[in-house]
Amino acid sequence: EEIKFLAGKYKRNEFEIADSIFNGDIPRIEKICDLCTKEKLDISWSAKVSARKEMNYCLLKKMRDAGCRSLSYGVESASPRILRDMRKNDDTQEIQRIVRDTCNAGIQANCFFIIGYPLETEEDFALTLDFVKENARYISRFAQITGCHIEDDSYLGHHLDQYGIVFKDDGWHSQFSTPEIRKERLARFRDLARQLHSHYRCEVQE
């Protein structure tokens, strides 16, 4: 009803759903899509989502038919070890399938990555670069690439000793991640993205 109101009153047909995990409730997504299709709303919309196994081609096609044009996935890393520690889906083959299904369904697949997690080794980072290379044709753009930040009230912020995190004048350090390492890896990621596709938007934040 809100979308119908805004589309009618302000003559707008492009919407960005302000929900950090729009697909936290899959049945809700299906209901929203069914309503948009039933009402024949001439709209396009985008959302931020997580790489859940329920994001199959059938659901993605329904979302596309209901006006979805862009989805941004919080991939963060392509290292199963790092993803497990982040408490995220660590099945990188499934994540790859989701990104490709999104593209094949006619929806732009955008990806977020976090570089320099406290436990991220060079081997872990290499897996992320390999993922980008293997899926370049399916990724529309990199929504945001950021160096790992330690927020006071985050899990990392509450477990500094567990991760060996120490704050110094130039930023935080751990055994495998330092400000210099993060800066260098961010530059390599950006260079790879531009090498693969000159049109990529690659918003890098240290």
N, C-alpha and C. Protein backbone atom coordinates (compact mmCIF):
# COMPACT_ATOMS: atom_id res chain seq x y z
N GLU A 1 0.83 -1.20 0.00
CA GLU A 1 0.00 0.00 0.00
C GLU A 1 0.87 1.26 0.00
N GLU A 2 1.97 1.21 0.75
CA GLU A 2 2.86 2.37 0.79
C GLU A 2 3.51 2.61 -0.57
N ILE A 3 3.94 1.54 -1.22
CA ILE A 3 4.54 1.68 -2.54
C ILE A 3 3.52 2.25 -3.53
N LYS A 4 2.31 1.75 -3.48
CA LYS A 4 1.26 2.26 -4.37
C LYS A 4 1.01 3.75 -4.12
N PHE A 5 1.00 4.13 -2.84
CA PHE A 5 0.77 5.54 -2.49
C PHE A 5 1.88 6.42 -3.03
N LEU A 6 3.14 6.02 -2.79
CA LEU A 6 4.28 6.83 -3.23
C LEU A 6 4.36 6.90 -4.75
N ALA A 7 4.08 5.77 -5.39
CA ALA A 7 4.12 5.75 -6.86
C ALA A 7 3.05 6.66 -7.45
N GLY A 8 1.87 6.67 -6.81
CA GLY A 8 0.78 7.49 -7.32
C GLY A 8 0.93 8.96 -7.00
N LYS A 9 1.28 9.27 -5.76
CA LYS A 9 1.36 10.67 -5.33
C LYS A 9 2.57 11.40 -5.90
N TYR A 10 3.73 10.72 -5.90
CA TYR A 10 4.97 11.38 -6.31
C TYR A 10 5.48 10.93 -7.68
N LYS A 11 4.71 10.06 -8.32
CA LYS A 11 5.07 9.59 -9.66
C LYS A 11 6.47 8.98 -9.69
N ARG A 12 6.77 8.21 -8.66
CA ARG A 12 8.05 7.52 -8.58
C ARG A 12 7.85 6.03 -8.84
N ASN A 13 8.79 5.45 -9.57
CA ASN A 13 8.67 4.00 -9.81
C ASN A 13 9.95 3.24 -9.51
N GLU A 14 10.92 3.91 -8.85
CA GLU A 14 12.15 3.23 -8.43
C GLU A 14 12.26 3.29 -6.91
N PHE A 15 12.45 2.14 -6.28
CA PHE A 15 12.48 2.07 -4.83
C PHE A 15 13.69 1.26 -4.35
N GLU A 16 14.31 1.74 -3.29
CA GLU A 16 15.37 0.99 -2.62
C GLU A 16 14.86 0.59 -1.24
N ILE A 17 14.82 -0.68 -0.98
CA ILE A 17 14.29 -1.17 0.29
C ILE A 17 15.36 -1.03 1.37
N ALA A 18 15.06 -0.21 2.37
CA ALA A 18 16.03 0.09 3.44
C ALA A 18 15.94 -0.95 4.55
N ASP A 19 16.44 -2.13 4.26
CA ASP A 19 16.43 -3.25 5.20
C ASP A 19 17.78 -3.94 5.04
N SER A 20 18.56 -4.04 6.10
CA SER A 20 19.90 -4.61 5.96
C SER A 20 19.88 -6.07 5.53
N ILE A 21 18.81 -6.80 5.86
CA ILE A 21 18.68 -8.19 5.41
C ILE A 21 17.23 -8.39 4.96
N PHE A 22 16.94 -7.99 3.75
CA PHE A 22 15.58 -8.06 3.22
C PHE A 22 15.08 -9.50 3.16
N ASN A 23 15.99 -10.44 2.94
CA ASN A 23 15.56 -11.84 2.81
C ASN A 23 15.65 -12.60 4.13
N GLY A 24 15.53 -11.90 5.24
CA GLY A 24 15.50 -12.58 6.54
C GLY A 24 14.24 -13.40 6.70
N ASP A 25 13.20 -13.07 5.94
CA ASP A 25 11.92 -13.78 6.00
C ASP A 25 11.51 -14.10 4.57
N ILE A 26 11.81 -15.30 4.09
CA ILE A 26 11.56 -15.67 2.71
C ILE A 26 10.06 -15.65 2.36
N PRO A 27 9.17 -16.19 3.21
CA PRO A 27 7.74 -16.12 2.89
C PRO A 27 7.25 -14.68 2.71
N ARG A 28 7.83 -13.73 3.47
CA ARG A 28 7.43 -12.33 3.32
C ARG A 28 7.81 -11.82 1.93
N ILE A 29 9.02 -12.21 1.47
CA ILE A 29 9.44 -11.80 0.13
C ILE A 29 8.45 -12.31 -0.92
N GLU A 30 8.07 -13.58 -0.81
CA GLU A 30 7.15 -14.16 -1.79
C GLU A 30 5.81 -13.45 -1.75
N LYS A 31 5.34 -13.08 -0.55
CA LYS A 31 4.06 -12.38 -0.44
C LYS A 31 4.14 -11.00 -1.08
N ILE A 32 5.25 -10.28 -0.82
CA ILE A 32 5.44 -8.95 -1.41
C ILE A 32 5.47 -9.05 -2.93
N CYS A 33 6.19 -10.04 -3.44
CA CYS A 33 6.29 -10.22 -4.90
C CYS A 33 4.94 -10.56 -5.51
N ASP A 34 4.20 -11.43 -4.84
CA ASP A 34 2.87 -11.80 -5.35
C ASP A 34 1.95 -10.59 -5.41
N LEU A 35 2.02 -9.74 -4.38
CA LEU A 35 1.18 -8.54 -4.35
C LEU A 35 1.58 -7.55 -5.44
N CYS A 36 2.89 -7.35 -5.63
CA CYS A 36 3.35 -6.43 -6.68
C CYS A 36 2.90 -6.91 -8.05
N THR A 37 2.98 -8.22 -8.27
CA THR A 37 2.56 -8.78 -9.55
C THR A 37 1.05 -8.69 -9.73
N LYS A 38 0.31 -9.01 -8.67
CA LYS A 38 -1.15 -8.96 -8.73
C LYS A 38 -1.64 -7.55 -9.01
N GLU A 39 -1.01 -6.56 -8.38
CA GLU A 39 -1.41 -5.16 -8.55
C GLU A 39 -0.86 -4.54 -9.83
N LYS A 40 -0.04 -5.31 -10.55
CA LYS A 40 0.58 -4.85 -11.81
C LYS A 40 1.30 -3.52 -11.63
N LEU A 41 2.09 -3.46 -10.54
CA LEU A 41 2.83 -2.23 -10.26
C LEU A 41 4.00 -2.09 -11.23
N ASP A 42 4.07 -0.98 -11.89
CA ASP A 42 5.16 -0.72 -12.84
C ASP A 42 6.31 -0.06 -12.09
N ILE A 43 7.04 -0.89 -11.34
CA ILE A 43 8.11 -0.36 -10.49
C ILE A 43 9.37 -1.20 -10.66
N SER A 44 10.49 -0.63 -10.22
CA SER A 44 11.73 -1.39 -10.08
C SER A 44 12.25 -1.13 -8.68
N TRP A 45 12.87 -2.15 -8.09
CA TRP A 45 13.34 -1.99 -6.72
C TRP A 45 14.62 -2.80 -6.49
N SER A 46 15.33 -2.41 -5.44
CA SER A 46 16.58 -3.07 -5.08
C SER A 46 16.59 -3.32 -3.57
N ALA A 47 17.47 -4.22 -3.13
CA ALA A 47 17.53 -4.55 -1.70
C ALA A 47 18.88 -5.16 -1.35
N LYS A 48 19.19 -5.14 -0.05
CA LYS A 48 20.37 -5.81 0.49
C LYS A 48 19.93 -7.16 1.05
N VAL A 49 20.67 -8.20 0.72
CA VAL A 49 20.28 -9.56 1.13
C VAL A 49 21.50 -10.36 1.56
N SER A 50 21.24 -11.46 2.25
CA SER A 50 22.32 -12.38 2.61
C SER A 50 22.29 -13.57 1.65
N ALA A 51 23.41 -14.27 1.55
CA ALA A 51 23.52 -15.40 0.63
C ALA A 51 22.93 -16.65 1.28
N ARG A 52 21.61 -16.70 1.37
CA ARG A 52 20.91 -17.84 1.95
C ARG A 52 20.62 -18.88 0.89
N LYS A 53 20.62 -20.15 1.28
CA LYS A 53 20.38 -21.23 0.32
C LYS A 53 19.01 -21.14 -0.32
N GLU A 54 18.06 -20.49 0.36
CA GLU A 54 16.71 -20.37 -0.19
C GLU A 54 16.64 -19.45 -1.40
N MET A 55 17.72 -18.71 -1.66
CA MET A 55 17.74 -17.81 -2.81
C MET A 55 18.01 -18.63 -4.07
N ASN A 56 17.00 -19.36 -4.51
CA ASN A 56 17.13 -20.20 -5.70
C ASN A 56 16.62 -19.47 -6.93
N TYR A 57 16.84 -20.07 -8.08
CA TYR A 57 16.48 -19.41 -9.34
C TYR A 57 14.98 -19.11 -9.41
N CYS A 58 14.16 -20.03 -8.92
CA CYS A 58 12.71 -19.86 -8.97
C CYS A 58 12.29 -18.60 -8.19
N LEU A 59 12.81 -18.45 -6.98
CA LEU A 59 12.48 -17.28 -6.17
C LEU A 59 13.03 -16.01 -6.82
N LEU A 60 14.24 -16.08 -7.31
CA LEU A 60 14.85 -14.91 -7.93
C LEU A 60 14.09 -14.48 -9.17
N LYS A 61 13.60 -15.44 -9.95
CA LYS A 61 12.81 -15.09 -11.14
C LYS A 61 11.50 -14.43 -10.72
N LYS A 62 10.89 -14.91 -9.64
CA LYS A 62 9.67 -14.29 -9.13
C LYS A 62 9.94 -12.85 -8.71
N MET A 63 11.10 -12.64 -8.05
CA MET A 63 11.47 -11.30 -7.64
C MET A 63 11.69 -10.40 -8.85
N ARG A 64 12.33 -10.94 -9.88
CA ARG A 64 12.56 -10.17 -11.10
C ARG A 64 11.24 -9.78 -11.76
N ASP A 65 10.30 -10.71 -11.83
CA ASP A 65 9.00 -10.45 -12.43
C ASP A 65 8.21 -9.41 -11.62
N ALA A 66 8.53 -9.29 -10.32
CA ALA A 66 7.84 -8.34 -9.45
C ALA A 66 8.54 -6.98 -9.43
N GLY A 67 9.59 -6.82 -10.22
CA GLY A 67 10.24 -5.52 -10.33
C GLY A 67 11.63 -5.42 -9.75
N CYS A 68 12.14 -6.50 -9.14
CA CYS A 68 13.49 -6.45 -8.57
C CYS A 68 14.52 -6.33 -9.69
N ARG A 69 15.40 -5.36 -9.55
CA ARG A 69 16.41 -5.13 -10.57
C ARG A 69 17.83 -5.28 -10.03
N SER A 70 17.99 -5.22 -8.69
CA SER A 70 19.33 -5.24 -8.13
C SER A 70 19.31 -5.81 -6.72
N LEU A 71 20.23 -6.74 -6.43
CA LEU A 71 20.39 -7.30 -5.09
C LEU A 71 21.85 -7.20 -4.69
N SER A 72 22.10 -6.75 -3.46
CA SER A 72 23.47 -6.63 -2.95
C SER A 72 23.68 -7.66 -1.85
N TYR A 73 24.65 -8.55 -2.09
CA TYR A 73 24.94 -9.65 -1.16
C TYR A 73 26.14 -9.33 -0.28
N GLY A 74 26.01 -9.59 1.01
CA GLY A 74 27.14 -9.45 1.92
C GLY A 74 27.99 -10.70 1.87
N VAL A 75 28.77 -10.85 0.81
CA VAL A 75 29.61 -12.05 0.66
C VAL A 75 30.74 -12.02 1.70
N GLU A 76 31.41 -10.87 1.83
CA GLU A 76 32.47 -10.57 2.79
C GLU A 76 33.80 -11.27 2.52
N SER A 77 33.78 -12.58 2.28
CA SER A 77 35.01 -13.33 2.03
C SER A 77 34.67 -14.60 1.27
N ALA A 78 35.65 -15.18 0.59
CA ALA A 78 35.43 -16.47 -0.07
C ALA A 78 36.22 -17.57 0.62
N SER A 79 36.68 -17.30 1.83
CA SER A 79 37.38 -18.30 2.62
C SER A 79 36.38 -18.95 3.59
N PRO A 80 36.11 -20.25 3.45
CA PRO A 80 35.18 -20.91 4.37
C PRO A 80 35.58 -20.72 5.84
N ARG A 81 36.87 -20.74 6.10
CA ARG A 81 37.34 -20.59 7.48
C ARG A 81 36.96 -19.22 8.05
N ILE A 82 37.16 -18.18 7.26
CA ILE A 82 36.81 -16.83 7.71
C ILE A 82 35.29 -16.67 7.83
N LEU A 83 34.56 -17.21 6.87
CA LEU A 83 33.10 -17.11 6.91
C LEU A 83 32.53 -17.81 8.13
N ARG A 84 33.09 -18.96 8.48
CA ARG A 84 32.63 -19.66 9.68
C ARG A 84 32.85 -18.81 10.91
N ASP A 85 34.00 -18.16 11.00
CA ASP A 85 34.27 -17.32 12.15
C ASP A 85 33.34 -16.10 12.18
N MET A 86 32.94 -15.63 11.01
CA MET A 86 31.99 -14.52 10.93
C MET A 86 30.56 -14.97 11.20
N ARG A 87 30.35 -16.30 11.32
CA ARG A 87 29.03 -16.88 11.53
C ARG A 87 28.12 -16.61 10.34
N LYS A 88 28.71 -16.78 9.14
CA LYS A 88 27.97 -16.61 7.91
C LYS A 88 27.97 -17.92 7.12
N ASN A 89 27.19 -17.97 6.06
CA ASN A 89 27.17 -19.14 5.19
C ASN A 89 28.59 -19.40 4.68
N ASP A 90 29.15 -20.57 5.01
CA ASP A 90 30.54 -20.84 4.63
C ASP A 90 30.64 -21.76 3.41
N ASP A 91 29.51 -22.02 2.75
CA ASP A 91 29.51 -22.86 1.56
C ASP A 91 29.75 -21.96 0.35
N THR A 92 31.00 -21.81 -0.04
CA THR A 92 31.34 -20.87 -1.11
C THR A 92 30.78 -21.32 -2.46
N GLN A 93 30.60 -22.64 -2.65
CA GLN A 93 29.98 -23.11 -3.89
C GLN A 93 28.53 -22.67 -3.96
N GLU A 94 27.85 -22.70 -2.83
CA GLU A 94 26.46 -22.25 -2.79
C GLU A 94 26.38 -20.74 -3.02
N ILE A 95 27.30 -19.99 -2.42
CA ILE A 95 27.33 -18.54 -2.64
C ILE A 95 27.54 -18.24 -4.12
N GLN A 96 28.44 -18.97 -4.74
CA GLN A 96 28.68 -18.81 -6.17
C GLN A 96 27.42 -19.10 -6.96
N ARG A 97 26.71 -20.18 -6.60
CA ARG A 97 25.48 -20.54 -7.30
C ARG A 97 24.44 -19.43 -7.17
N ILE A 98 24.34 -18.83 -5.97
CA ILE A 98 23.36 -17.77 -5.73
C ILE A 98 23.67 -16.54 -6.58
N VAL A 99 24.94 -16.15 -6.62
CA VAL A 99 25.33 -14.99 -7.43
C VAL A 99 25.02 -15.24 -8.90
N ARG A 100 25.33 -16.44 -9.38
CA ARG A 100 25.09 -16.75 -10.79
C ARG A 100 23.60 -16.85 -11.10
N ASP A 101 22.83 -17.46 -10.20
CA ASP A 101 21.37 -17.55 -10.40
C ASP A 101 20.75 -16.16 -10.43
N THR A 102 21.26 -15.27 -9.60
CA THR A 102 20.74 -13.91 -9.56
C THR A 102 20.94 -13.23 -10.91
N CYS A 103 22.14 -13.33 -11.42
CA CYS A 103 22.45 -12.75 -12.73
C CYS A 103 21.62 -13.40 -13.83
N ASN A 104 21.52 -14.72 -13.83
CA ASN A 104 20.78 -15.43 -14.87
C ASN A 104 19.28 -15.17 -14.80
N ALA A 105 18.79 -14.76 -13.63
CA ALA A 105 17.37 -14.41 -13.49
C ALA A 105 17.08 -13.00 -13.98
N GLY A 106 18.14 -12.27 -14.36
CA GLY A 106 17.94 -10.92 -14.87
C GLY A 106 18.06 -9.83 -13.84
N ILE A 107 18.66 -10.17 -12.68
CA ILE A 107 18.84 -9.20 -11.60
C ILE A 107 20.32 -8.90 -11.46
N GLN A 108 20.66 -7.64 -11.27
CA GLN A 108 22.07 -7.29 -11.03
C GLN A 108 22.52 -7.87 -9.70
N ALA A 109 23.62 -8.59 -9.73
CA ALA A 109 24.18 -9.17 -8.50
C ALA A 109 25.36 -8.31 -8.05
N ASN A 110 25.19 -7.61 -6.94
CA ASN A 110 26.24 -6.78 -6.37
C ASN A 110 26.80 -7.47 -5.13
N CYS A 111 28.06 -7.24 -4.83
CA CYS A 111 28.69 -7.93 -3.70
C CYS A 111 29.43 -6.97 -2.78
N PHE A 112 29.30 -7.23 -1.49
CA PHE A 112 30.08 -6.54 -0.46
C PHE A 112 31.20 -7.48 -0.02
N PHE A 113 32.38 -6.91 0.23
CA PHE A 113 33.49 -7.70 0.77
C PHE A 113 34.15 -6.93 1.91
N ILE A 114 34.61 -7.67 2.92
CA ILE A 114 35.39 -7.09 4.02
C ILE A 114 36.81 -7.64 3.91
N ILE A 115 37.77 -6.75 3.84
CA ILE A 115 39.17 -7.14 3.66
C ILE A 115 39.94 -6.93 4.97
N GLY A 116 40.78 -7.91 5.31
CA GLY A 116 41.64 -7.76 6.48
C GLY A 116 41.00 -8.15 7.79
N TYR A 117 40.11 -9.14 7.77
CA TYR A 117 39.55 -9.68 9.01
C TYR A 117 40.72 -10.13 9.90
N PRO A 118 40.59 -10.05 11.22
CA PRO A 118 41.74 -10.35 12.11
C PRO A 118 42.43 -11.68 11.84
N LEU A 119 41.69 -12.69 11.38
CA LEU A 119 42.28 -14.01 11.13
C LEU A 119 42.62 -14.25 9.67
N GLU A 120 42.38 -13.27 8.82
CA GLU A 120 42.57 -13.47 7.38
C GLU A 120 44.05 -13.54 7.00
N THR A 121 44.47 -14.70 6.49
CA THR A 121 45.83 -14.87 6.02
C THR A 121 45.90 -14.52 4.53
N GLU A 122 47.09 -14.53 3.98
CA GLU A 122 47.25 -14.28 2.55
C GLU A 122 46.52 -15.37 1.74
N GLU A 123 46.52 -16.59 2.25
CA GLU A 123 45.83 -17.68 1.56
C GLU A 123 44.32 -17.46 1.56
N ASP A 124 43.79 -16.96 2.68
CA ASP A 124 42.35 -16.65 2.74
C ASP A 124 42.01 -15.55 1.74
N PHE A 125 42.83 -14.52 1.69
CA PHE A 125 42.58 -13.41 0.77
C PHE A 125 42.66 -13.88 -0.68
N ALA A 126 43.57 -14.81 -0.96
CA ALA A 126 43.71 -15.34 -2.33
C ALA A 126 42.43 -16.05 -2.76
N LEU A 127 41.75 -16.72 -1.83
CA LEU A 127 40.49 -17.38 -2.16
C LEU A 127 39.44 -16.36 -2.57
N THR A 128 39.44 -15.21 -1.91
CA THR A 128 38.50 -14.15 -2.28
C THR A 128 38.79 -13.63 -3.68
N LEU A 129 40.06 -13.40 -3.98
CA LEU A 129 40.43 -12.93 -5.32
C LEU A 129 40.05 -13.97 -6.37
N ASP A 130 40.24 -15.25 -6.07
CA ASP A 130 39.88 -16.30 -7.01
C ASP A 130 38.37 -16.31 -7.26
N PHE A 131 37.59 -16.10 -6.20
CA PHE A 131 36.14 -16.06 -6.32
C PHE A 131 35.72 -14.94 -7.27
N VAL A 132 36.34 -13.78 -7.11
CA VAL A 132 36.04 -12.64 -7.96
C VAL A 132 36.36 -12.95 -9.42
N LYS A 133 37.52 -13.57 -9.66
CA LYS A 133 37.92 -13.91 -11.03
C LYS A 133 36.94 -14.90 -11.66
N GLU A 134 36.54 -15.92 -10.89
CA GLU A 134 35.70 -16.98 -11.42
C GLU A 134 34.27 -16.51 -11.68
N ASN A 135 33.86 -15.45 -10.99
CA ASN A 135 32.47 -15.00 -11.11
C ASN A 135 32.33 -13.59 -11.67
N ALA A 136 33.39 -13.11 -12.30
CA ALA A 136 33.40 -11.73 -12.80
C ALA A 136 32.24 -11.43 -13.73
N ARG A 137 31.90 -12.35 -14.60
CA ARG A 137 30.84 -12.09 -15.58
C ARG A 137 29.46 -12.04 -14.95
N TYR A 138 29.34 -12.54 -13.72
CA TYR A 138 28.03 -12.57 -13.05
C TYR A 138 27.85 -11.44 -12.05
N ILE A 139 28.94 -10.82 -11.62
CA ILE A 139 28.87 -9.74 -10.64
C ILE A 139 28.71 -8.42 -11.37
N SER A 140 27.65 -7.70 -11.05
CA SER A 140 27.39 -6.42 -11.72
C SER A 140 28.32 -5.33 -11.20
N ARG A 141 28.48 -5.24 -9.88
CA ARG A 141 29.40 -4.28 -9.31
C ARG A 141 29.70 -4.67 -7.87
N PHE A 142 30.74 -4.08 -7.34
CA PHE A 142 31.10 -4.28 -5.94
C PHE A 142 30.49 -3.13 -5.16
N ALA A 143 29.41 -3.44 -4.43
CA ALA A 143 28.66 -2.39 -3.74
C ALA A 143 29.55 -1.63 -2.77
N GLN A 144 30.41 -2.35 -2.07
CA GLN A 144 31.35 -1.69 -1.16
C GLN A 144 32.44 -2.68 -0.76
N ILE A 145 33.66 -2.23 -0.83
CA ILE A 145 34.80 -3.02 -0.37
C ILE A 145 35.44 -2.24 0.75
N THR A 146 35.50 -2.81 1.93
CA THR A 146 35.99 -2.05 3.07
C THR A 146 36.99 -2.85 3.88
N GLY A 147 37.97 -2.16 4.43
CA GLY A 147 38.86 -2.79 5.38
C GLY A 147 38.09 -3.08 6.65
N CYS A 148 38.43 -4.15 7.33
CA CYS A 148 37.70 -4.55 8.53
C CYS A 148 37.83 -3.50 9.63
N HIS A 149 36.69 -3.07 10.14
CA HIS A 149 36.67 -2.10 11.24
C HIS A 149 36.28 -2.82 12.54
N ILE A 150 36.85 -2.38 13.63
CA ILE A 150 36.53 -2.96 14.94
C ILE A 150 35.63 -1.98 15.68
N GLU A 151 34.35 -2.30 15.75
CA GLU A 151 33.40 -1.45 16.48
C GLU A 151 33.38 -1.87 17.95
N ASP A 152 33.28 -0.89 18.83
CA ASP A 152 33.34 -1.17 20.27
C ASP A 152 32.31 -2.21 20.71
N ASP A 153 31.09 -2.11 20.16
CA ASP A 153 30.02 -2.97 20.64
C ASP A 153 29.77 -4.17 19.73
N SER A 154 30.77 -4.50 18.89
CA SER A 154 30.64 -5.67 18.02
C SER A 154 31.24 -6.89 18.71
N TYR A 155 31.05 -8.07 18.08
CA TYR A 155 31.65 -9.28 18.64
C TYR A 155 33.16 -9.14 18.71
N LEU A 156 33.77 -8.64 17.65
CA LEU A 156 35.22 -8.46 17.66
C LEU A 156 35.62 -7.48 18.76
N GLY A 157 34.85 -6.42 18.90
CA GLY A 157 35.16 -5.42 19.91
C GLY A 157 35.12 -5.96 21.32
N HIS A 158 34.28 -6.98 21.54
CA HIS A 158 34.15 -7.57 22.88
C HIS A 158 35.13 -8.74 23.09
N HIS A 159 35.86 -9.12 22.04
CA HIS A 159 36.78 -10.27 22.15
C HIS A 159 38.15 -9.92 21.57
N LEU A 160 38.66 -8.78 21.96
CA LEU A 160 39.96 -8.32 21.44
C LEU A 160 41.07 -9.31 21.76
N ASP A 161 41.11 -9.80 22.98
CA ASP A 161 42.17 -10.73 23.38
C ASP A 161 42.11 -12.03 22.59
N GLN A 162 40.89 -12.52 22.35
CA GLN A 162 40.72 -13.77 21.62
C GLN A 162 41.33 -13.68 20.22
N TYR A 163 41.24 -12.50 19.60
CA TYR A 163 41.75 -12.32 18.25
C TYR A 163 43.13 -11.66 18.23
N GLY A 164 43.69 -11.40 19.39
CA GLY A 164 45.00 -10.77 19.46
C GLY A 164 45.02 -9.37 18.88
N ILE A 165 43.91 -8.64 19.04
CA ILE A 165 43.79 -7.30 18.48
C ILE A 165 44.39 -6.26 19.43
N VAL A 166 45.26 -5.45 18.90
CA VAL A 166 45.90 -4.39 19.68
C VAL A 166 45.77 -3.08 18.90
N PHE A 167 45.35 -2.03 19.57
CA PHE A 167 45.22 -0.72 18.93
C PHE A 167 46.51 0.08 19.09
N LYS A 168 46.98 0.63 17.96
CA LYS A 168 48.17 1.47 17.96
C LYS A 168 47.82 2.81 17.30
N ASP A 169 48.78 3.68 17.21
CA ASP A 169 48.53 5.02 16.67
C ASP A 169 47.98 4.97 15.24
N ASP A 170 48.44 4.00 14.46
CA ASP A 170 48.02 3.94 13.05
C ASP A 170 46.81 3.06 12.82
N GLY A 171 46.23 2.50 13.87
CA GLY A 171 45.05 1.65 13.72
C GLY A 171 45.22 0.34 14.48
N TRP A 172 44.34 -0.62 14.24
CA TRP A 172 44.40 -1.88 14.97
C TRP A 172 45.29 -2.90 14.25
N HIS A 173 45.92 -3.76 15.06
CA HIS A 173 46.83 -4.80 14.56
C HIS A 173 46.43 -6.15 15.14
N SER A 174 46.61 -7.19 14.32
CA SER A 174 46.54 -8.57 14.81
C SER A 174 47.68 -9.33 14.15
N GLN A 175 47.79 -10.61 14.43
CA GLN A 175 48.89 -11.38 13.85
C GLN A 175 48.88 -11.35 12.33
N PHE A 176 47.66 -11.37 11.74
CA PHE A 176 47.56 -11.48 10.29
C PHE A 176 47.06 -10.21 9.60
N SER A 177 46.63 -9.23 10.38
CA SER A 177 46.05 -8.03 9.77
C SER A 177 46.59 -6.77 10.44
N THR A 178 47.16 -5.90 9.63
CA THR A 178 47.66 -4.61 10.11
C THR A 178 47.14 -3.54 9.16
N PRO A 179 47.20 -2.26 9.54
CA PRO A 179 46.76 -1.21 8.62
C PRO A 179 47.46 -1.28 7.27
N GLU A 180 48.74 -1.60 7.28
CA GLU A 180 49.49 -1.67 6.03
C GLU A 180 49.03 -2.85 5.17
N ILE A 181 48.79 -3.99 5.80
CA ILE A 181 48.31 -5.17 5.07
C ILE A 181 46.94 -4.89 4.47
N ARG A 182 46.04 -4.29 5.26
CA ARG A 182 44.70 -4.00 4.76
C ARG A 182 44.74 -3.03 3.59
N LYS A 183 45.57 -2.01 3.69
CA LYS A 183 45.69 -1.03 2.62
C LYS A 183 46.19 -1.69 1.34
N GLU A 184 47.19 -2.57 1.47
CA GLU A 184 47.76 -3.24 0.30
C GLU A 184 46.76 -4.19 -0.34
N ARG A 185 45.99 -4.91 0.49
CA ARG A 185 45.02 -5.85 -0.06
C ARG A 185 43.84 -5.12 -0.70
N LEU A 186 43.43 -4.02 -0.11
CA LEU A 186 42.36 -3.22 -0.71
C LEU A 186 42.78 -2.73 -2.10
N ALA A 187 44.03 -2.30 -2.22
CA ALA A 187 44.53 -1.82 -3.50
C ALA A 187 44.56 -2.96 -4.53
N ARG A 188 44.96 -4.15 -4.11
CA ARG A 188 44.99 -5.29 -5.02
C ARG A 188 43.59 -5.70 -5.47
N PHE A 189 42.65 -5.64 -4.53
CA PHE A 189 41.27 -5.97 -4.88
C PHE A 189 40.74 -4.98 -5.90
N ARG A 190 40.94 -3.69 -5.63
CA ARG A 190 40.47 -2.65 -6.54
C ARG A 190 41.10 -2.79 -7.93
N ASP A 191 42.40 -3.07 -7.97
CA ASP A 191 43.09 -3.21 -9.25
C ASP A 191 42.56 -4.41 -10.03
N LEU A 192 42.27 -5.51 -9.32
CA LEU A 192 41.73 -6.69 -9.98
C LEU A 192 40.35 -6.39 -10.55
N ALA A 193 39.52 -5.72 -9.77
CA ALA A 193 38.17 -5.38 -10.23
C ALA A 193 38.21 -4.54 -11.49
N ARG A 194 39.08 -3.57 -11.51
CA ARG A 194 39.19 -2.69 -12.68
C ARG A 194 39.80 -3.42 -13.88
N GLN A 195 40.66 -4.37 -13.60
CA GLN A 195 41.27 -5.16 -14.66
C GLN A 195 40.23 -6.06 -15.33
N LEU A 196 39.36 -6.65 -14.52
CA LEU A 196 38.35 -7.56 -15.04
C LEU A 196 37.27 -6.83 -15.82
N HIS A 197 36.83 -5.69 -15.28
CA HIS A 197 35.77 -4.92 -15.91
C HIS A 197 36.00 -3.44 -15.64
N SER A 198 36.29 -2.70 -16.67
CA SER A 198 36.56 -1.28 -16.49
C SER A 198 35.33 -0.52 -16.00
N HIS A 199 34.13 -1.09 -16.21
CA HIS A 199 32.92 -0.39 -15.80
C HIS A 199 32.56 -0.64 -14.34
N TYR A 200 33.26 -1.58 -13.68
CA TYR A 200 32.93 -1.89 -12.30
C TYR A 200 32.97 -0.65 -11.42
N ARG A 201 31.98 -0.51 -10.60
CA ARG A 201 32.05 0.46 -9.51
C ARG A 201 32.65 -0.27 -8.32
N CYS A 202 33.74 0.21 -7.85
CA CYS A 202 34.44 -0.47 -6.75
C CYS A 202 34.74 0.58 -5.67
N GLU A 203 33.80 0.73 -4.75
CA GLU A 203 33.95 1.75 -3.72
C GLU A 203 34.78 1.18 -2.57
N VAL A 204 36.02 1.60 -2.49
CA VAL A 204 36.95 1.06 -1.49
C VAL A 204 37.08 2.03 -0.33
N GLN A 205 36.91 1.49 0.89
CA GLN A 205 37.09 2.29 2.10
C GLN A 205 38.11 1.61 2.99
N GLU A 206 39.10 2.38 3.43
CA GLU A 206 40.08 1.82 4.35
C GLU A 206 39.53 1.76 5.77
